[in-house]
Amino acid sequence: MSFKTLDDIGDVSGKAVLVREDLNVPMADGKVTDDTRLRATVATLTELADKGAKVLVLAHFGRPKGERSEANSLAQIVPSLSDVLGRPVAFIDDCAGEAAEAAVAALPAGAIAVLENTRFHKGEEKNDPALVAAIAKLGAAYVNDAFSAAHRAHASTEGLARVLPAYAGRAMEAELTALEKALGQPERPVAAVVGGAKVSTKLDVLKHLVSKVDHLIIGGGMANTFLAARGVDVGKSLCEHDLTGTAEEILDNADKAGCTVHLPYDVVVSKEFAANPASLRTCNVHEVAADEMILDVGPQAVEALGDVLKTCKTLVWNGPMGAFEIEPFDAATVALARTAAALTKEGSLISVAGGGDTVAALNHAGAAGDFSYISTAGGAFLEWMEGKELPGVAALG
């Protein structure tokens, strides 16, 4: 899709620019515990401030349901954002209304200010035109830099883009460029790794991907549902037996689309889900006992999957291959992630990954740094993988 970026914004010196960011960061004891999302704002906020704009940061925090609350105030994020940016950040106690307008008017050119939680207004999640108009009065232009909130048609994510000149921020631009390379106009062959516990949470993803990719690698608990659909007895493994018919349908559609689906043929099993259990063993999928659980993909299958990746040009990854939080059930995820990272580093593979568990798994494998692009978006990344139009992105076109 085509969209305008900060390269197109023109002279913003002395003008107020509304920038939608994702400041919904984890907190404990009043302190930010992970500043990944704050660091993602740096490029856009500093570029606009250095061009002399009054930079007004819009964001939500938590789910206050249209009510003001101290626990959900963005005031508590300001010190951490200031540290990350290495410059002062002001705080304005509302994101609309006369007091906010007066505070914005008083800001000097080049200042950065965080406006109070957009969700303190009931109209935010309803995309209320009255709230959109009230926020729009504060700025001359709108920049959306929050891909992670782009699947929501809210006042601050979609409504403002309809009434002000709208641009993609640098983080949004990087995300959209990476996603276009991964599934929009990818270099083929394309592989997708889809893991996680349940097929039910990723049905739409799987249905969409079989028509888009050449190789679909299914791992995690959801692989068990597909194995059961193929007539494999998966013992006590996590398995959605009521969805085996749907799994068969996905396999049939993959066949028709010329997409090869890769399911594990050797697996790591145990009678209990615990670290390094005594009952741990590796076996063929047809040898799983009635009292055993499949908890990871086996080493032979992982080696074969690594060989598949070596034939591919593009990889999209969402979800772990096994119960990676507990050793040794992290082995398949770690091995395959490191293979993908090595191929990316040598320049033969474009690799894009996203989703909370995925980022954690790739960091655990020490592989995240070598992937072409890692998206921190959860719901938005999944909806993009489902082929859905994201309102916040569509509004920029």
Protein backbone atom coordinates (compact mmCIF):
# COMPACT_ATOMS: atom_id res chain seq x y z
CA MET A 1 0.00 0.00 0.00
CA SER A 2 1.10 3.58 -0.50
CA PHE A 3 1.26 5.95 2.47
CA LYS A 4 2.97 9.22 3.31
CA THR A 5 5.90 9.26 5.72
CA LEU A 6 7.81 11.95 7.62
CA ASP A 7 9.70 12.58 4.38
CA ASP A 8 6.47 14.12 3.04
CA ILE A 9 5.44 16.19 6.07
CA GLY A 10 7.04 19.49 5.01
CA ASP A 11 7.89 22.39 7.32
CA VAL A 12 6.60 21.74 10.85
CA SER A 13 8.61 24.40 12.67
CA GLY A 14 6.43 25.94 15.38
CA LYS A 15 3.48 23.72 14.41
CA ALA A 16 1.87 21.18 16.73
CA VAL A 17 2.00 17.59 15.44
CA LEU A 18 -0.11 14.83 17.04
CA VAL A 19 1.83 11.55 17.17
CA ARG A 20 0.07 8.30 18.11
CA GLU A 21 2.56 6.06 19.92
CA ASP A 22 2.26 2.85 21.93
CA LEU A 23 3.21 3.66 25.53
CA ASN A 24 1.28 0.71 26.96
CA VAL A 25 4.35 -0.66 28.76
CA PRO A 26 4.57 -3.10 31.69
CA MET A 27 4.97 -1.48 35.11
CA ALA A 28 5.85 -2.72 38.61
CA ASP A 29 6.10 -0.56 41.74
CA GLY A 30 5.68 2.59 39.68
CA LYS A 31 8.60 1.73 37.38
CA VAL A 32 8.63 0.66 33.72
CA THR A 33 9.94 -2.93 33.59
CA ASP A 34 10.40 -3.17 29.80
CA ASP A 35 11.07 -0.05 27.73
CA THR A 36 11.04 -1.74 24.29
CA ARG A 37 7.97 0.23 23.17
CA LEU A 38 9.42 3.49 24.49
CA ARG A 39 12.62 2.95 22.50
CA ALA A 40 10.52 2.41 19.38
CA THR A 41 9.29 6.03 19.65
CA VAL A 42 12.72 7.65 19.59
CA ALA A 43 13.24 8.03 15.82
CA THR A 44 9.92 9.75 15.16
CA LEU A 45 9.72 11.96 18.26
CA THR A 46 13.29 13.24 18.02
CA GLU A 47 13.08 13.87 14.26
CA LEU A 48 9.94 15.99 14.62
CA ALA A 49 11.27 17.84 17.67
CA ASP A 50 14.57 18.54 15.87
CA LYS A 51 12.54 20.01 12.99
CA GLY A 52 11.02 22.47 15.47
CA ALA A 53 7.58 20.89 15.86
CA LYS A 54 5.63 20.89 19.10
CA VAL A 55 5.39 17.12 19.42
CA LEU A 56 2.18 15.96 21.13
CA VAL A 57 2.24 12.27 22.03
CA LEU A 58 -1.12 10.47 22.05
CA ALA A 59 -1.42 7.04 23.65
CA HIS A 60 -3.58 4.81 25.79
CA PHE A 61 -2.57 3.00 28.95
CA GLY A 62 -4.52 0.03 30.31
CA ARG A 63 -8.30 -0.22 30.12
CA PRO A 64 -9.80 2.67 32.13
CA LYS A 65 -13.13 2.37 30.23
CA GLY A 66 -13.69 6.08 29.79
CA GLU A 67 -12.98 7.01 33.42
CA ARG A 68 -10.04 8.99 34.80
CA SER A 69 -7.85 6.96 37.16
CA GLU A 70 -4.41 7.53 38.66
CA ALA A 71 -3.41 3.92 37.98
CA ASN A 72 -3.96 4.46 34.26
CA SER A 73 -2.42 7.92 33.99
CA LEU A 74 0.33 8.39 31.42
CA ALA A 75 2.02 10.82 33.82
CA GLN A 76 3.83 7.82 35.33
CA ILE A 77 5.41 6.94 31.95
CA VAL A 78 6.88 10.42 31.34
CA PRO A 79 10.12 10.04 33.40
CA SER A 80 11.03 6.79 31.61
CA LEU A 81 10.22 8.26 28.18
CA SER A 82 12.38 11.28 29.02
CA ASP A 83 15.27 8.94 29.97
CA VAL A 84 14.93 7.00 26.72
CA LEU A 85 14.76 10.16 24.58
CA GLY A 86 17.55 11.89 26.50
CA ARG A 87 15.60 15.14 26.62
CA PRO A 88 12.82 16.70 28.72
CA VAL A 89 9.24 15.55 28.19
CA ALA A 90 6.30 17.63 29.41
CA PHE A 91 2.93 16.25 30.50
CA ILE A 92 -0.47 17.70 29.59
CA ASP A 93 -3.36 16.60 31.80
CA ASP A 94 -5.85 15.94 28.97
CA CYS A 95 -5.85 15.12 25.26
CA ALA A 96 -8.73 17.44 24.35
CA GLY A 97 -10.44 20.60 25.59
CA GLU A 98 -9.58 24.19 26.44
CA ALA A 99 -7.00 23.42 29.14
CA ALA A 100 -5.13 21.13 26.75
CA GLU A 101 -5.31 23.78 23.99
CA ALA A 102 -3.84 26.41 26.34
CA ALA A 103 -1.05 24.05 27.45
CA VAL A 104 -0.14 23.26 23.82
CA ALA A 105 -0.12 26.97 22.92
CA ALA A 106 2.36 27.59 25.76
CA LEU A 107 4.82 24.92 24.56
CA PRO A 108 7.99 26.16 22.84
CA ALA A 109 8.94 24.90 19.36
CA GLY A 110 10.88 21.64 19.57
CA ALA A 111 9.18 20.52 22.80
CA ILE A 112 7.83 17.02 23.37
CA ALA A 113 4.74 16.55 25.54
CA VAL A 114 2.72 13.46 26.46
CA LEU A 115 -1.05 14.04 26.48
CA GLU A 116 -3.15 12.21 29.06
CA ASN A 117 -4.56 8.72 28.31
CA THR A 118 -6.91 8.89 25.31
CA ARG A 119 -9.05 6.16 26.90
CA PHE A 120 -10.05 8.51 29.73
CA HIS A 121 -12.61 9.68 27.13
CA LYS A 122 -15.48 7.29 26.35
CA GLY A 123 -15.38 8.50 22.73
CA GLU A 124 -11.90 7.08 22.11
CA GLU A 125 -12.87 3.44 21.63
CA LYS A 126 -16.12 4.45 19.89
CA ASN A 127 -14.17 6.59 17.39
CA ASP A 128 -16.57 9.42 18.29
CA PRO A 129 -16.37 12.26 15.70
CA ALA A 130 -16.81 14.87 18.47
CA LEU A 131 -13.72 13.60 20.31
CA VAL A 132 -11.80 13.31 17.04
CA ALA A 133 -12.60 16.96 16.29
CA ALA A 134 -11.61 18.04 19.81
CA ILE A 135 -8.22 16.29 19.65
CA ALA A 136 -7.65 17.48 16.07
CA LYS A 137 -7.94 21.12 17.27
CA LEU A 138 -4.61 20.63 19.07
CA GLY A 139 -2.50 19.87 15.99
CA ALA A 140 -1.84 20.74 12.35
CA ALA A 141 -0.85 17.20 11.32
CA TYR A 142 -1.22 13.62 12.52
CA VAL A 143 1.45 10.90 12.61
CA ASN A 144 0.63 7.27 13.42
CA ASP A 145 3.68 5.48 14.79
CA ALA A 146 1.81 2.70 16.65
CA PHE A 147 1.38 -0.35 14.43
CA SER A 148 0.49 -2.38 17.53
CA ALA A 149 -2.72 -0.35 17.90
CA ALA A 150 -3.46 -0.16 14.16
CA HIS A 151 -6.01 -3.01 14.24
CA ARG A 152 -8.33 -0.77 16.27
CA ALA A 153 -10.58 1.85 14.67
CA HIS A 154 -10.37 4.29 17.58
CA ALA A 155 -10.37 8.10 17.60
CA SER A 156 -6.60 8.32 18.10
CA THR A 157 -5.67 5.47 15.74
CA GLU A 158 -8.05 5.96 12.80
CA GLY A 159 -10.36 8.94 13.27
CA LEU A 160 -7.63 11.60 13.34
CA ALA A 161 -6.10 10.28 10.11
CA ARG A 162 -9.40 11.09 8.38
CA VAL A 163 -9.49 14.76 9.43
CA LEU A 164 -5.82 15.86 9.50
CA PRO A 165 -2.95 15.44 7.02
CA ALA A 166 -1.76 11.96 8.03
CA TYR A 167 1.66 10.31 7.91
CA ALA A 168 3.34 7.11 9.05
CA GLY A 169 6.00 7.57 11.72
CA ARG A 170 9.39 5.90 11.36
CA ALA A 171 8.47 2.81 13.45
CA MET A 172 5.20 2.39 11.53
CA GLU A 173 7.03 2.88 8.22
CA ALA A 174 9.63 0.23 9.14
CA GLU A 175 6.91 -2.20 10.18
CA LEU A 176 4.82 -1.75 7.03
CA THR A 177 7.89 -2.02 4.80
CA ALA A 178 8.96 -5.25 6.54
CA LEU A 179 5.47 -6.76 6.33
CA GLU A 180 5.19 -5.91 2.64
CA LYS A 181 8.48 -7.77 2.05
CA ALA A 182 7.23 -10.75 4.06
CA LEU A 183 3.77 -11.39 2.61
CA GLY A 184 2.83 -8.51 0.29
CA GLN A 185 5.43 -8.88 -2.46
CA PRO A 186 7.81 -11.48 -1.00
CA GLU A 187 10.80 -13.15 -2.59
CA ARG A 188 9.86 -16.80 -3.04
CA PRO A 189 9.96 -19.48 -1.82
CA VAL A 190 8.22 -18.28 1.38
CA ALA A 191 8.05 -20.27 4.61
CA ALA A 192 5.83 -19.56 7.61
CA VAL A 193 6.41 -20.98 11.07
CA VAL A 194 3.20 -20.99 13.11
CA GLY A 195 3.32 -22.36 16.63
CA GLY A 196 1.54 -21.91 19.92
CA ALA A 197 -0.84 -23.86 22.06
CA LYS A 198 -4.12 -23.87 20.20
CA VAL A 199 -5.30 -24.09 16.61
CA SER A 200 -8.46 -22.19 17.60
CA THR A 201 -6.51 -18.97 18.23
CA LYS A 202 -4.83 -19.08 14.82
CA LEU A 203 -7.42 -20.65 12.53
CA ASP A 204 -7.73 -17.54 10.35
CA VAL A 205 -3.94 -17.21 10.17
CA LEU A 206 -3.53 -20.80 8.97
CA LYS A 207 -6.37 -20.52 6.45
CA HIS A 208 -4.87 -17.35 5.00
CA LEU A 209 -1.25 -18.54 4.93
CA VAL A 210 -1.83 -21.73 2.93
CA SER A 211 -2.72 -19.54 -0.06
CA LYS A 212 0.28 -17.24 0.47
CA VAL A 213 3.29 -19.37 1.36
CA ASP A 214 5.17 -22.31 -0.15
CA HIS A 215 5.98 -24.01 3.16
CA LEU A 216 3.83 -23.97 6.32
CA ILE A 217 5.68 -25.28 9.37
CA ILE A 218 3.30 -26.06 12.23
CA GLY A 219 4.65 -26.48 15.76
CA GLY A 220 3.56 -26.14 19.36
CA GLY A 221 0.42 -27.68 20.79
CA MET A 222 -1.48 -26.88 17.60
CA ALA A 223 0.63 -29.43 15.69
CA ASN A 224 -0.99 -32.14 17.82
CA THR A 225 -4.43 -31.27 16.45
CA PHE A 226 -3.09 -31.66 12.91
CA LEU A 227 -1.37 -34.95 13.81
CA ALA A 228 -4.66 -36.20 15.29
CA ALA A 229 -6.40 -35.19 12.04
CA ARG A 230 -3.89 -37.42 10.24
CA GLY A 231 -4.82 -40.35 12.46
CA VAL A 232 -1.94 -40.10 14.95
CA ASP A 233 -2.71 -41.03 18.57
CA VAL A 234 -1.27 -38.10 20.53
CA GLY A 235 -1.81 -39.58 24.00
CA LYS A 236 -2.34 -36.99 26.77
CA SER A 237 -1.01 -34.14 24.61
CA LEU A 238 -2.76 -30.79 24.41
CA CYS A 239 -5.05 -31.32 21.43
CA GLU A 240 -8.31 -29.78 20.20
CA HIS A 241 -9.95 -32.98 19.00
CA ASP A 242 -13.11 -31.09 18.04
CA LEU A 243 -11.09 -29.18 15.43
CA THR A 244 -9.55 -32.12 13.60
CA GLY A 245 -12.11 -31.65 10.80
CA THR A 246 -11.02 -28.02 10.39
CA ALA A 247 -7.37 -29.12 10.43
CA GLU A 248 -8.13 -31.61 7.62
CA GLU A 249 -9.80 -28.82 5.64
CA ILE A 250 -6.69 -26.61 6.03
CA LEU A 251 -4.47 -29.50 4.90
CA ASP A 252 -6.70 -30.07 1.84
CA ASN A 253 -6.62 -26.35 0.95
CA ALA A 254 -2.83 -26.34 1.31
CA ASP A 255 -2.65 -29.27 -1.12
CA LYS A 256 -4.77 -27.41 -3.67
CA ALA A 257 -2.68 -24.24 -3.28
CA GLY A 258 0.64 -26.07 -3.70
CA CYS A 259 1.68 -25.30 -0.12
CA THR A 260 3.69 -28.01 1.67
CA VAL A 261 2.61 -28.42 5.31
CA HIS A 262 5.36 -29.67 7.62
CA LEU A 263 4.30 -31.57 10.75
CA PRO A 264 6.78 -33.20 13.15
CA TYR A 265 7.56 -36.87 12.60
CA ASP A 266 9.70 -37.28 15.68
CA VAL A 267 8.71 -35.64 18.96
CA VAL A 268 9.92 -35.09 22.52
CA VAL A 269 7.49 -36.59 25.03
CA SER A 270 7.08 -36.87 28.78
CA LYS A 271 4.52 -38.15 31.28
CA GLU A 272 4.73 -34.89 33.22
CA PHE A 273 5.19 -31.26 32.27
CA ALA A 274 8.25 -30.37 34.34
CA ALA A 275 11.88 -29.37 33.79
CA ASN A 276 14.06 -32.32 32.69
CA PRO A 277 11.58 -35.03 33.82
CA ALA A 278 12.67 -38.64 34.34
CA SER A 279 10.09 -39.80 31.78
CA LEU A 280 11.61 -37.65 29.01
CA ARG A 281 12.20 -39.41 25.68
CA THR A 282 12.23 -38.79 21.95
CA CYS A 283 10.17 -41.02 19.67
CA ASN A 284 8.38 -41.29 16.33
CA VAL A 285 4.93 -39.61 16.38
CA HIS A 286 3.33 -43.05 15.95
CA GLU A 287 4.99 -44.30 19.17
CA VAL A 288 3.50 -41.82 21.66
CA ALA A 289 2.08 -43.77 24.63
CA ALA A 290 -1.42 -43.14 25.98
CA ASP A 291 -0.02 -41.53 29.16
CA GLU A 292 2.54 -39.29 27.39
CA MET A 293 2.41 -35.69 26.22
CA ILE A 294 4.13 -34.26 23.14
CA LEU A 295 6.01 -31.18 24.41
CA ASP A 296 8.45 -30.37 21.58
CA VAL A 297 9.42 -31.22 18.02
CA GLY A 298 12.15 -33.85 17.78
CA PRO A 299 15.74 -33.27 16.57
CA GLN A 300 15.37 -35.11 13.23
CA ALA A 301 12.33 -33.04 12.25
CA VAL A 302 14.12 -29.83 13.32
CA GLU A 303 17.11 -30.70 11.15
CA ALA A 304 14.81 -31.33 8.19
CA LEU A 305 12.99 -28.03 8.82
CA GLY A 306 16.34 -26.24 8.88
CA ASP A 307 17.02 -27.71 5.44
CA VAL A 308 13.63 -26.36 4.26
CA LEU A 309 14.57 -22.85 5.44
CA LYS A 310 17.84 -23.09 3.50
CA THR A 311 15.79 -23.37 0.27
CA CYS A 312 13.63 -20.33 1.11
CA LYS A 313 14.08 -16.60 0.55
CA THR A 314 11.46 -15.28 3.02
CA LEU A 315 10.29 -16.41 6.47
CA VAL A 316 7.36 -15.26 8.61
CA TRP A 317 7.38 -16.57 12.18
CA ASN A 318 4.65 -16.51 14.83
CA GLY A 319 4.68 -18.80 17.87
CA PRO A 320 7.11 -21.29 19.46
CA MET A 321 7.71 -24.87 18.30
CA GLY A 322 7.28 -26.38 21.77
CA ALA A 323 6.78 -25.54 25.44
CA PHE A 324 9.87 -23.34 25.25
CA GLU A 325 9.47 -21.82 28.74
CA ILE A 326 10.72 -25.06 30.33
CA GLU A 327 13.95 -26.86 29.43
CA PRO A 328 14.52 -29.06 27.51
CA PHE A 329 11.27 -28.34 25.61
CA ASP A 330 12.87 -25.20 24.18
CA ALA A 331 15.32 -27.16 22.03
CA ALA A 332 13.37 -27.12 18.73
CA THR A 333 12.49 -23.43 18.97
CA VAL A 334 16.08 -22.50 19.81
CA ALA A 335 17.62 -24.65 17.05
CA LEU A 336 15.25 -23.49 14.29
CA ALA A 337 15.48 -19.84 15.39
CA ARG A 338 19.27 -19.98 15.29
CA THR A 339 19.19 -21.52 11.82
CA ALA A 340 16.87 -18.74 10.61
CA ALA A 341 19.07 -16.10 12.24
CA ALA A 342 22.23 -17.52 10.62
CA LEU A 343 20.59 -17.60 7.16
CA THR A 344 19.41 -14.02 7.64
CA LYS A 345 22.87 -12.89 8.74
CA GLU A 346 24.48 -14.38 5.65
CA GLY A 347 21.93 -12.58 3.47
CA SER A 348 20.02 -15.53 2.01
CA LEU A 349 16.79 -15.07 4.02
CA ILE A 350 14.45 -12.20 4.88
CA SER A 351 12.97 -13.07 8.28
CA VAL A 352 10.04 -11.31 9.93
CA ALA A 353 8.66 -12.39 13.31
CA GLY A 354 5.98 -11.08 15.63
CA GLY A 355 3.78 -11.71 18.65
CA GLY A 356 4.60 -11.67 22.37
CA ASP A 357 5.52 -15.36 22.80
CA THR A 358 7.52 -15.25 19.60
CA VAL A 359 9.64 -12.31 20.68
CA ALA A 360 10.27 -13.97 24.06
CA ALA A 361 11.22 -17.26 22.35
CA LEU A 362 13.60 -15.61 19.87
CA ASN A 363 15.23 -13.57 22.65
CA HIS A 364 15.59 -16.79 24.66
CA ALA A 365 17.32 -18.38 21.65
CA GLY A 366 19.63 -15.37 21.31
CA ALA A 367 18.43 -15.09 17.72
CA ALA A 368 16.23 -11.99 17.73
CA GLY A 369 19.06 -9.58 16.92
CA ASP A 370 19.78 -11.26 13.59
CA PHE A 371 16.19 -11.44 12.29
CA SER A 372 15.41 -8.89 9.56
CA TYR A 373 12.50 -7.50 11.54
CA ILE A 374 10.81 -8.27 14.85
CA SER A 375 7.35 -6.84 15.43
CA THR A 376 6.37 -6.18 19.05
CA ALA A 377 2.71 -5.98 18.00
CA GLY A 378 0.46 -8.81 19.18
CA GLY A 379 -3.11 -8.50 17.90
CA ALA A 380 -2.20 -6.27 14.97
CA PHE A 381 0.51 -8.68 13.78
CA LEU A 382 -1.89 -11.63 13.99
CA GLU A 383 -4.62 -9.76 12.10
CA TRP A 384 -2.08 -8.83 9.44
CA MET A 385 -1.15 -12.53 9.17
CA GLU A 386 -4.87 -13.28 8.79
CA GLY A 387 -4.95 -10.98 5.75
CA LYS A 388 -7.28 -8.47 7.44
CA GLU A 389 -7.25 -4.77 6.66
CA LEU A 390 -5.98 -2.80 9.67
CA PRO A 391 -8.05 0.39 10.12
CA GLY A 392 -5.14 2.47 11.43
CA VAL A 393 -3.03 1.51 8.41
CA ALA A 394 -5.84 1.82 5.85
CA ALA A 395 -6.52 5.39 7.04
CA LEU A 396 -2.95 6.39 6.09
CA GLY A 397 -3.41 5.32 2.47
